[in-house]
Protein backbone atom coordinates (compact mmCIF):
# COMPACT_ATOMS: atom_id res chain seq x y z
CA MET A 1 149.43 105.06 112.26
CA PRO A 2 147.30 104.23 109.21
CA ARG A 3 145.87 100.74 109.06
CA LEU A 4 147.54 98.63 106.35
CA ASP A 5 145.40 95.53 106.28
CA SER A 6 142.63 96.76 103.96
CA THR A 7 145.16 97.80 101.34
CA LEU A 8 147.38 94.75 101.56
CA ARG A 9 144.47 92.34 101.52
CA ALA A 10 143.10 93.64 98.23
CA VAL A 11 143.77 91.42 95.24
CA THR A 12 145.78 93.42 92.72
CA SER A 13 146.44 92.60 89.08
CA SER A 14 149.55 94.79 89.07
CA PRO A 15 152.71 93.39 90.67
CA ALA A 16 154.37 96.80 90.37
CA ARG A 17 151.52 98.39 92.30
CA ALA A 18 151.74 95.67 94.94
CA ALA A 19 155.45 96.34 95.30
CA ARG A 20 154.81 100.07 95.78
CA ILE A 21 152.18 99.32 98.41
CA ALA A 22 154.58 97.01 100.24
CA PHE A 23 157.36 99.58 100.15
CA ALA A 24 155.00 102.22 101.50
CA ALA A 25 154.05 99.80 104.25
CA CYS A 26 157.71 99.30 105.08
CA LEU A 27 158.20 103.05 105.36
CA ALA A 28 155.09 103.46 107.48
CA LEU A 29 156.09 100.79 109.96
CA VAL A 30 159.82 101.47 110.03
CA ILE A 31 159.71 105.27 110.03
CA VAL A 32 156.28 106.45 111.19
CA ALA A 33 155.93 104.02 114.11
CA PRO A 34 159.15 105.02 115.88
CA LEU A 35 158.36 108.71 115.40
CA GLY A 36 154.87 108.20 116.76
CA SER A 37 156.10 106.31 119.80
CA ARG A 38 158.47 109.14 120.68
CA ALA A 39 155.78 111.76 120.18
CA SER A 40 153.34 110.08 122.54
CA LEU A 41 154.38 107.72 125.30
CA HIS A 42 150.75 106.71 125.73
CA ALA A 43 150.02 105.75 122.12
CA GLN A 44 148.15 102.47 121.75
CA ALA A 45 149.87 99.51 120.16
CA VAL A 46 149.08 98.84 116.51
CA PRO A 47 146.31 96.21 116.53
CA ALA A 48 146.61 92.95 114.65
CA PRO A 49 144.92 93.08 111.24
CA ALA A 50 141.40 91.73 110.84
CA PRO A 51 141.09 88.26 109.28
CA PRO A 52 140.92 88.35 105.48
CA ALA A 53 137.56 87.83 103.77
CA PRO A 54 136.60 84.25 102.84
CA VAL A 55 137.49 83.23 99.29
CA THR A 56 137.36 80.16 97.07
CA LEU A 57 140.33 79.23 94.92
CA LEU A 58 139.38 77.29 91.79
CA THR A 59 141.98 74.80 90.59
CA ASP A 60 142.14 72.08 88.00
CA ARG A 61 145.47 70.62 89.14
CA ALA A 62 147.15 71.08 92.50
CA LEU A 63 150.03 69.41 94.33
CA ASP A 64 149.13 68.74 97.95
CA GLY A 65 152.66 69.24 99.35
CA ARG A 66 152.92 65.63 100.54
CA GLY A 67 153.59 64.00 97.18
CA GLY A 68 150.00 63.73 95.99
CA THR A 69 147.97 65.48 93.30
CA LEU A 70 144.51 67.03 93.68
CA GLN A 71 142.25 67.22 90.62
CA GLY A 72 139.59 69.91 90.45
CA ALA A 73 139.94 71.03 94.07
CA ARG A 74 138.01 74.13 95.17
CA LEU A 75 139.96 75.49 98.12
CA GLY A 76 137.70 77.20 100.63
CA ILE A 77 139.68 79.81 102.58
CA ALA A 78 138.44 81.54 105.74
CA ALA A 79 140.12 83.17 108.75
CA GLY A 80 143.51 82.54 107.17
CA ARG A 81 143.08 78.77 106.91
CA ILE A 82 142.00 76.15 104.41
CA ILE A 83 138.50 75.09 105.45
CA THR A 84 137.67 72.64 102.69
CA LEU A 85 138.93 71.26 99.38
CA ALA A 86 135.39 71.19 97.98
CA SER A 87 134.02 74.68 98.55
CA THR A 88 130.59 75.53 97.17
CA ASP A 89 130.85 79.22 98.07
CA THR A 90 130.79 81.46 94.98
CA ALA A 91 130.62 84.86 96.70
CA ARG A 92 134.32 85.60 96.14
CA VAL A 93 136.31 83.44 93.76
CA ILE A 94 139.84 83.50 92.36
CA ASP A 95 140.22 81.34 89.27
CA LEU A 96 143.58 79.56 89.25
CA ARG A 97 142.62 76.98 86.65
CA GLY A 98 145.31 76.60 84.02
CA TYR A 99 148.09 76.96 86.60
CA THR A 100 149.79 74.51 88.94
CA VAL A 101 148.68 75.24 92.50
CA LEU A 102 150.64 74.10 95.54
CA PRO A 103 151.37 75.08 99.15
CA GLY A 104 153.62 78.08 99.70
CA TRP A 105 157.23 76.99 99.82
CA ILE A 106 159.37 76.82 102.97
CA ASP A 107 163.09 77.63 102.98
CA THR A 108 164.72 76.32 106.14
CA HIS A 109 167.93 78.38 105.82
CA VAL A 110 168.13 81.99 104.65
CA HIS A 111 169.84 85.19 105.80
CA LEU A 112 167.34 88.03 105.46
CA ASP A 113 169.78 90.34 107.22
CA SER A 114 172.24 89.94 104.31
CA HIS A 115 171.65 92.59 101.65
CA PHE A 116 173.47 95.08 99.47
CA ASP A 117 173.76 98.63 100.79
CA LYS A 118 173.06 101.80 98.82
CA SER A 119 176.51 101.63 97.23
CA GLY A 120 175.73 98.17 95.85
CA ARG A 121 178.17 96.39 98.16
CA ILE A 122 177.41 93.81 100.83
CA ALA A 123 176.14 95.73 103.86
CA THR A 124 178.22 95.74 107.03
CA ASP A 125 177.55 96.74 110.63
CA LYS A 126 178.52 100.31 109.68
CA GLU A 127 175.27 100.71 107.72
CA PRO A 128 172.80 103.12 109.37
CA ALA A 129 170.06 101.32 111.31
CA LEU A 130 167.20 102.65 109.16
CA GLU A 131 168.89 101.54 105.95
CA GLN A 132 169.53 98.14 107.50
CA SER A 133 165.85 97.82 108.40
CA LEU A 134 164.74 98.67 104.89
CA GLY A 135 167.28 96.26 103.41
CA ILE A 136 165.98 93.39 105.55
CA ALA A 137 162.37 94.27 104.74
CA GLN A 138 163.14 94.34 101.01
CA ALA A 139 164.81 90.91 101.25
CA ALA A 140 161.70 89.53 102.95
CA TRP A 141 159.39 91.00 100.31
CA ALA A 142 161.45 89.60 97.43
CA THR A 143 161.40 86.19 99.10
CA LEU A 144 157.62 86.26 99.45
CA MET A 145 157.21 87.28 95.81
CA GLY A 146 159.33 84.27 94.86
CA GLY A 147 156.70 81.95 96.36
CA PHE A 148 158.25 81.37 99.80
CA THR A 149 155.65 81.96 102.48
CA THR A 150 157.78 80.70 105.38
CA VAL A 151 161.53 81.03 105.97
CA GLN A 152 163.96 80.24 108.73
CA SER A 153 166.45 83.12 108.91
CA VAL A 154 169.54 82.21 110.87
CA GLY A 155 171.98 84.96 111.53
CA ASP A 156 171.19 88.25 113.22
CA LEU A 157 169.37 89.87 116.13
CA ALA A 158 167.96 92.43 113.68
CA GLU A 159 165.63 89.76 112.28
CA ARG A 160 163.51 89.68 115.44
CA PRO A 161 161.53 92.90 114.86
CA LEU A 162 160.81 91.87 111.28
CA ARG A 163 159.52 88.49 112.46
CA ASP A 164 157.31 90.13 115.04
CA LEU A 165 155.90 92.77 112.69
CA ILE A 166 154.99 90.13 110.11
CA ARG A 167 153.48 87.80 112.69
CA ASP A 168 151.61 90.33 114.81
CA HIS A 169 150.79 93.29 112.57
CA GLY A 170 150.34 92.07 109.01
CA PHE A 171 153.65 93.48 107.75
CA PRO A 172 154.26 92.15 104.22
CA GLY A 173 156.68 89.26 104.15
CA PRO A 174 156.98 85.52 104.66
CA ARG A 175 156.39 83.93 108.02
CA VAL A 176 159.80 84.16 109.72
CA LEU A 177 161.48 81.96 112.29
CA THR A 178 164.87 83.18 113.44
CA SER A 179 167.85 81.96 115.44
CA LEU A 180 168.93 85.56 116.09
CA ALA A 181 172.75 85.63 116.46
CA PRO A 182 174.51 82.27 115.98
CA ILE A 183 176.80 80.50 118.40
CA ILE A 184 180.25 80.34 116.80
CA GLY A 185 182.55 77.53 117.80
CA ARG A 186 186.12 78.48 118.77
CA GLY A 187 187.47 75.18 120.02
CA ASP A 188 188.37 75.02 123.71
CA SER A 189 188.04 78.80 124.01
CA THR A 190 184.32 78.66 123.13
CA GLY A 191 183.51 78.32 126.80
CA THR A 192 183.00 75.98 129.72
CA PRO A 193 180.01 73.62 129.75
CA GLU A 194 178.05 76.07 131.87
CA GLN A 195 179.01 78.96 129.59
CA LEU A 196 177.82 76.97 126.58
CA ARG A 197 174.48 76.35 128.24
CA ALA A 198 174.26 80.03 129.13
CA MET A 199 174.73 80.97 125.45
CA VAL A 200 171.72 78.87 124.54
CA ARG A 201 169.64 80.24 127.41
CA GLU A 202 170.51 83.80 126.41
CA ARG A 203 169.15 83.28 122.90
CA LYS A 204 166.03 81.67 124.30
CA ALA A 205 165.51 84.72 126.51
CA GLN A 206 166.00 87.01 123.50
CA GLY A 207 163.19 85.23 121.68
CA ALA A 208 165.01 82.85 119.32
CA ASP A 209 162.94 80.17 117.58
CA LEU A 210 165.95 77.87 117.20
CA ILE A 211 169.69 77.79 117.90
CA LYS A 212 172.19 78.17 115.04
CA ILE A 213 175.66 76.73 115.73
CA PHE A 214 178.87 76.95 113.70
CA ALA A 215 180.71 73.65 114.22
CA SER A 216 183.05 74.31 111.27
CA THR A 217 184.76 77.38 109.87
CA SER A 218 183.60 78.75 106.54
CA GLN A 219 184.35 76.75 103.42
CA ARG A 220 186.21 79.86 102.25
CA VAL A 221 188.78 79.44 105.02
CA GLY A 222 189.24 75.69 105.16
CA ALA A 223 186.01 74.20 106.58
CA LYS A 224 187.84 73.18 109.78
CA PRO A 225 186.13 71.77 112.90
CA THR A 226 185.50 74.28 115.70
CA LEU A 227 183.51 72.26 118.27
CA SER A 228 183.93 68.79 119.76
CA LEU A 229 181.26 66.11 120.13
CA ALA A 230 181.06 66.94 123.85
CA GLN A 231 180.55 70.66 123.16
CA LEU A 232 177.90 70.06 120.51
CA THR A 233 176.12 67.60 122.78
CA ILE A 234 175.90 70.28 125.47
CA LEU A 235 174.67 72.98 123.07
CA CYS A 236 172.10 70.87 121.25
CA GLY A 237 171.05 69.15 124.46
CA GLU A 238 170.41 72.48 126.19
CA ALA A 239 168.42 73.68 123.17
CA LYS A 240 166.24 70.57 123.30
CA ALA A 241 165.75 70.95 127.06
CA LEU A 242 164.46 74.48 126.42
CA GLY A 243 162.10 73.33 123.65
CA LEU A 244 164.25 74.69 120.83
CA ARG A 245 165.60 73.05 117.71
CA SER A 246 169.24 73.29 116.67
CA MET A 247 170.83 73.87 113.26
CA VAL A 248 174.52 73.13 112.74
CA HIS A 249 176.84 74.54 110.08
CA ALA A 250 179.09 71.55 109.41
CA TYR A 251 181.58 70.19 106.89
CA ARG A 252 183.57 66.98 106.63
CA GLY A 253 183.31 64.68 109.68
CA GLN A 254 181.44 67.34 111.64
CA VAL A 255 178.30 66.17 109.84
CA ALA A 256 178.46 62.88 111.76
CA VAL A 257 179.47 64.67 114.97
CA ALA A 258 176.40 66.93 114.81
CA GLY A 259 174.15 63.93 114.24
CA ARG A 260 175.63 62.00 117.16
CA ALA A 261 175.28 65.09 119.36
CA GLY A 262 171.51 65.01 118.84
CA CYS A 263 171.32 68.22 116.81
CA THR A 264 168.14 68.73 114.80
CA GLN A 265 169.43 69.84 111.38
CA VAL A 266 172.82 69.65 109.68
CA GLU A 267 173.66 72.22 106.99
CA HIS A 268 175.99 72.11 103.98
CA GLY A 269 177.97 68.89 104.48
CA THR A 270 180.55 69.54 101.77
CA TYR A 271 183.56 67.16 101.92
CA ALA A 272 181.62 64.67 104.11
CA ALA A 273 182.14 60.97 103.44
CA ARG A 274 179.31 58.49 102.99
CA GLU A 275 179.73 57.18 106.53
CA ASP A 276 179.45 60.71 107.94
CA VAL A 277 176.20 61.36 106.11
CA GLU A 278 174.75 57.98 107.02
CA ALA A 279 175.66 58.47 110.69
CA ALA A 280 173.77 61.77 110.78
CA ALA A 281 170.78 60.21 109.01
CA ARG A 282 170.72 57.26 111.46
CA ALA A 283 170.70 59.74 114.32
CA GLY A 284 167.53 61.28 112.88
CA ALA A 285 168.98 64.66 111.88
CA TYR A 286 167.45 66.56 109.01
CA LEU A 287 169.99 67.10 106.25
CA SER A 288 170.17 70.11 103.96
CA PRO A 289 172.77 70.54 101.21
CA GLN A 290 172.87 73.56 98.88
CA VAL A 291 173.54 73.09 95.18
CA GLY A 292 171.54 75.53 93.07
CA LEU A 293 171.88 79.05 94.40
CA VAL A 294 174.31 80.08 97.13
CA VAL A 295 177.67 79.47 95.41
CA GLN A 296 176.33 80.59 92.05
CA ASN A 297 175.10 83.83 93.64
CA TYR A 298 178.44 84.52 95.30
CA ILE A 299 180.23 84.11 91.98
CA GLU A 300 177.72 86.26 90.07
CA ASN A 301 178.03 89.04 92.67
CA LYS A 302 181.69 88.52 93.56
CA ALA A 303 182.65 92.18 93.12
CA ARG A 304 179.96 93.18 95.64
CA TYR A 305 181.38 90.85 98.30
CA LEU A 306 185.16 90.93 97.87
CA GLY A 307 187.14 92.64 100.61
CA VAL A 308 184.54 92.24 103.35
CA GLY A 309 185.11 89.71 106.13
CA ASN A 310 186.39 86.41 104.74
CA TYR A 311 185.14 87.14 101.21
CA SER A 312 188.39 86.85 99.28
CA GLU A 313 189.25 85.91 95.71
CA ALA A 314 190.82 82.68 96.95
CA GLY A 315 187.71 81.83 98.99
CA MET A 316 185.42 82.44 96.04
CA GLN A 317 187.55 80.21 93.84
CA THR A 318 187.48 77.47 96.48
CA MET A 319 183.67 77.48 96.49
CA LEU A 320 183.50 77.41 92.70
CA ARG A 321 186.14 74.67 92.44
CA ASP A 322 184.38 72.49 94.99
CA LEU A 323 180.82 73.00 93.73
CA PRO A 324 180.85 69.47 92.21
CA LEU A 325 181.53 68.17 95.74
CA ASP A 326 178.31 69.87 96.86
CA PHE A 327 176.51 67.84 94.19
CA ASP A 328 178.21 64.70 95.49
CA VAL A 329 177.16 65.21 99.10
CA CYS A 330 173.62 66.04 97.97
CA ARG A 331 173.48 62.65 96.26
CA LEU A 332 174.87 60.97 99.38
CA MET A 333 172.21 62.62 101.53
CA MET A 334 169.44 61.57 99.16
CA ALA A 335 170.73 57.98 99.13
CA ALA A 336 171.31 57.67 102.89
CA PRO A 337 168.93 55.14 104.49
CA GLY A 338 166.33 57.09 106.43
CA GLY A 339 167.73 60.40 105.22
CA LYS A 340 165.42 63.40 105.58
CA VAL A 341 166.67 66.00 103.10
CA VAL A 342 164.91 69.36 103.45
CA PHE A 343 164.92 72.46 101.27
CA SER A 344 167.59 74.96 102.24
CA THR A 345 169.27 77.67 100.16
CA ASP A 346 171.50 79.71 102.51
CA ALA A 347 170.26 82.72 100.52
CA THR A 348 172.28 85.89 101.09
CA ALA A 349 172.42 89.29 99.38
CA GLY A 350 171.64 88.94 95.68
CA ALA A 351 169.79 85.64 96.12
CA HIS A 352 166.61 86.73 97.90
CA GLY A 353 163.62 86.07 95.67
CA ARG A 354 165.59 83.54 93.63
CA ASN A 355 165.34 80.77 96.25
CA ALA A 356 163.52 78.52 93.78
CA ASP A 357 166.73 78.09 91.78
CA GLU A 358 167.68 75.50 94.40
CA PHE A 359 164.90 73.24 93.08
CA ILE A 360 166.45 73.37 89.62
CA GLY A 361 169.91 72.56 90.96
CA ARG A 362 168.68 69.58 92.95
CA VAL A 363 166.81 68.10 89.98
CA ARG A 364 169.50 68.86 87.39
CA ASP A 365 172.67 68.14 89.38
CA CYS A 366 171.65 65.75 92.17
CA GLY A 367 169.19 63.43 90.47
CA VAL A 368 166.36 64.42 92.80
CA SER A 369 162.91 63.92 91.29
CA PRO A 370 160.82 67.09 90.85
CA MET A 371 158.22 65.82 93.31
CA GLN A 372 160.88 65.00 95.92
CA ALA A 373 162.35 68.46 95.53
CA LEU A 374 158.96 70.15 95.94
CA VAL A 375 157.95 68.07 98.98
CA SER A 376 161.29 68.96 100.59
CA ALA A 377 160.07 72.57 100.62
CA ASN A 378 156.57 71.70 101.79
CA ALA A 379 155.60 68.89 104.19
CA LEU A 380 159.16 67.78 104.94
CA ALA A 381 160.42 71.31 105.66
CA ALA A 382 157.38 72.00 107.82
CA GLY A 383 158.15 68.89 109.85
CA ALA A 384 161.79 69.92 110.26
CA MET A 385 160.61 73.23 111.74
CA GLY A 386 158.09 71.64 114.08
CA LEU A 387 155.17 73.00 112.06
CA GLY A 388 154.08 69.85 110.27
CA ASP A 389 150.48 70.18 111.42
CA THR A 390 150.23 73.86 110.47
CA ILE A 391 151.91 74.59 107.13
CA GLY A 392 153.30 72.77 104.10
CA ALA A 393 150.17 71.04 102.81
CA LEU A 394 146.91 71.79 101.03
CA ALA A 395 144.55 70.26 103.57
CA PRO A 396 141.70 71.41 105.81
CA GLY A 397 142.95 73.10 108.96
CA PHE A 398 146.29 74.16 107.48
CA ALA A 399 147.35 77.78 106.98
CA ALA A 400 146.11 79.23 103.71
CA ASP A 401 149.58 79.53 102.21
CA VAL A 402 148.99 78.91 98.51
CA ILE A 403 151.00 79.68 95.38
CA ALA A 404 150.45 79.09 91.68
CA LEU A 405 152.95 78.54 88.88
CA ASP A 406 152.70 79.18 85.17
CA GLY A 407 153.62 75.67 84.04
CA ASP A 408 154.00 72.19 85.48
CA PRO A 409 157.14 71.77 87.61
CA ILE A 410 156.86 67.97 87.44
CA THR A 411 157.55 68.02 83.70
CA ASP A 412 159.47 71.31 83.56
CA ILE A 413 161.24 72.18 86.80
CA THR A 414 162.01 75.71 85.54
CA ALA A 415 158.31 76.49 86.11
CA VAL A 416 159.32 77.18 89.73
CA ARG A 417 160.66 80.50 88.47
CA ARG A 418 157.22 81.54 87.17
CA VAL A 419 155.23 82.29 90.32
CA VAL A 420 152.04 84.14 89.38
CA PHE A 421 150.04 83.92 92.61
CA VAL A 422 151.06 84.17 96.27
CA MET A 423 148.69 83.89 99.22
CA LYS A 424 149.94 83.73 102.81
CA GLY A 425 147.52 83.20 105.66
CA GLY A 426 144.60 83.93 103.34
CA VAL A 427 146.04 87.29 102.21
CA VAL A 428 146.78 87.66 98.50
CA TYR A 429 150.10 89.42 97.98
CA LYS A 430 150.62 88.61 94.31
CA TRP A 431 148.27 87.80 91.46
CA ASP A 432 149.36 88.35 87.90
CA GLY A 433 145.89 87.53 86.60
CA ALA A 434 144.72 85.02 84.06
CA ILE A 435 146.69 84.57 80.85
CA ALA A 436 144.50 85.30 77.84
CA GLY A 437 142.97 82.18 76.34
CA ARG A 438 143.96 79.90 79.24
CA ARG A 439 141.48 77.97 81.29
């Protein structure tokens, strides 16, 4: 197999060229590798890529990911990490002055497995495996190009090979953590206590980074509870005992139930009352509403979804009708004493690469300050994922995940849509180059 690292690590001024390189890489790893392994049972494993060359990033204004601002920082990057904020090395320099520089964003809830098939419809399990692989890889690439260098993808066993290729072999995409297949609550028929624990252990054995649990049905079919406090306590308790975090899909009073059960993160929360939200916050759960992307994407792409699973016209109308209630619960989460509200989009097919729209929704419709919104996708999200000492900040020792925006998101939140530079682990994947006349 050809080595990919020298090509992917080159700084390119052409996004289109970068996209072609990435797609070629996808084909090489998805198609050539399996063929090669069948041709020779003794072929050596593809080695991990060599560390990228040291580089200095010049900035005049940077956000540190923790709520602070850095003036005139010179980020020294080596071996995939930030070494210093005052580099004197001039051997290899990328000039990001004139842009807003900040840590690569973190989305704690996406579905990379969700994509449109070659007919333009939402892909199902009938899609050929190769096409599924390419669809997932394309979703990951689009997400990285949108400025998200780390994502938590919570929905399918097919996400594991993508995670491993990115982590171990330099495959182009964001850093991925995955729950693999979720645990879906079905009331008393979900299983005995020992069966519940076995479900968690099975996912641990499969290589899951966290456990995803459905404690409510979809909003499209009533948002009804599917697990009791006792059942959630067993599931989340077993996850914690195994060193795993837990994420719970919950509506209404299930928000409080998930918090009391000791679950790590509670998603959605639509229809929850103030006391439900405050109970989850008191319990220490991370909270993550969605207001700026997921429902809007479903409505924009309704024709691509209708007729598959529980995607019905009535369900779509329910989500649209109740979107103001999403704004309400977002405000409740932000106001809850001790509430830790992290960035989370629930991005599915049609939304990958547009994750930053969630920032705009939170600022415009929830009253979140721009800095709060940005930190929720940096230091706070890193902490929620157990990576608070590794990613989410511009500081020595942290991963060299760095992005740059054309504009200042503190004064114009729509600047989050104008990502001109993306570095992950010291590798530059996107660089649109300096704008003429700007310094």
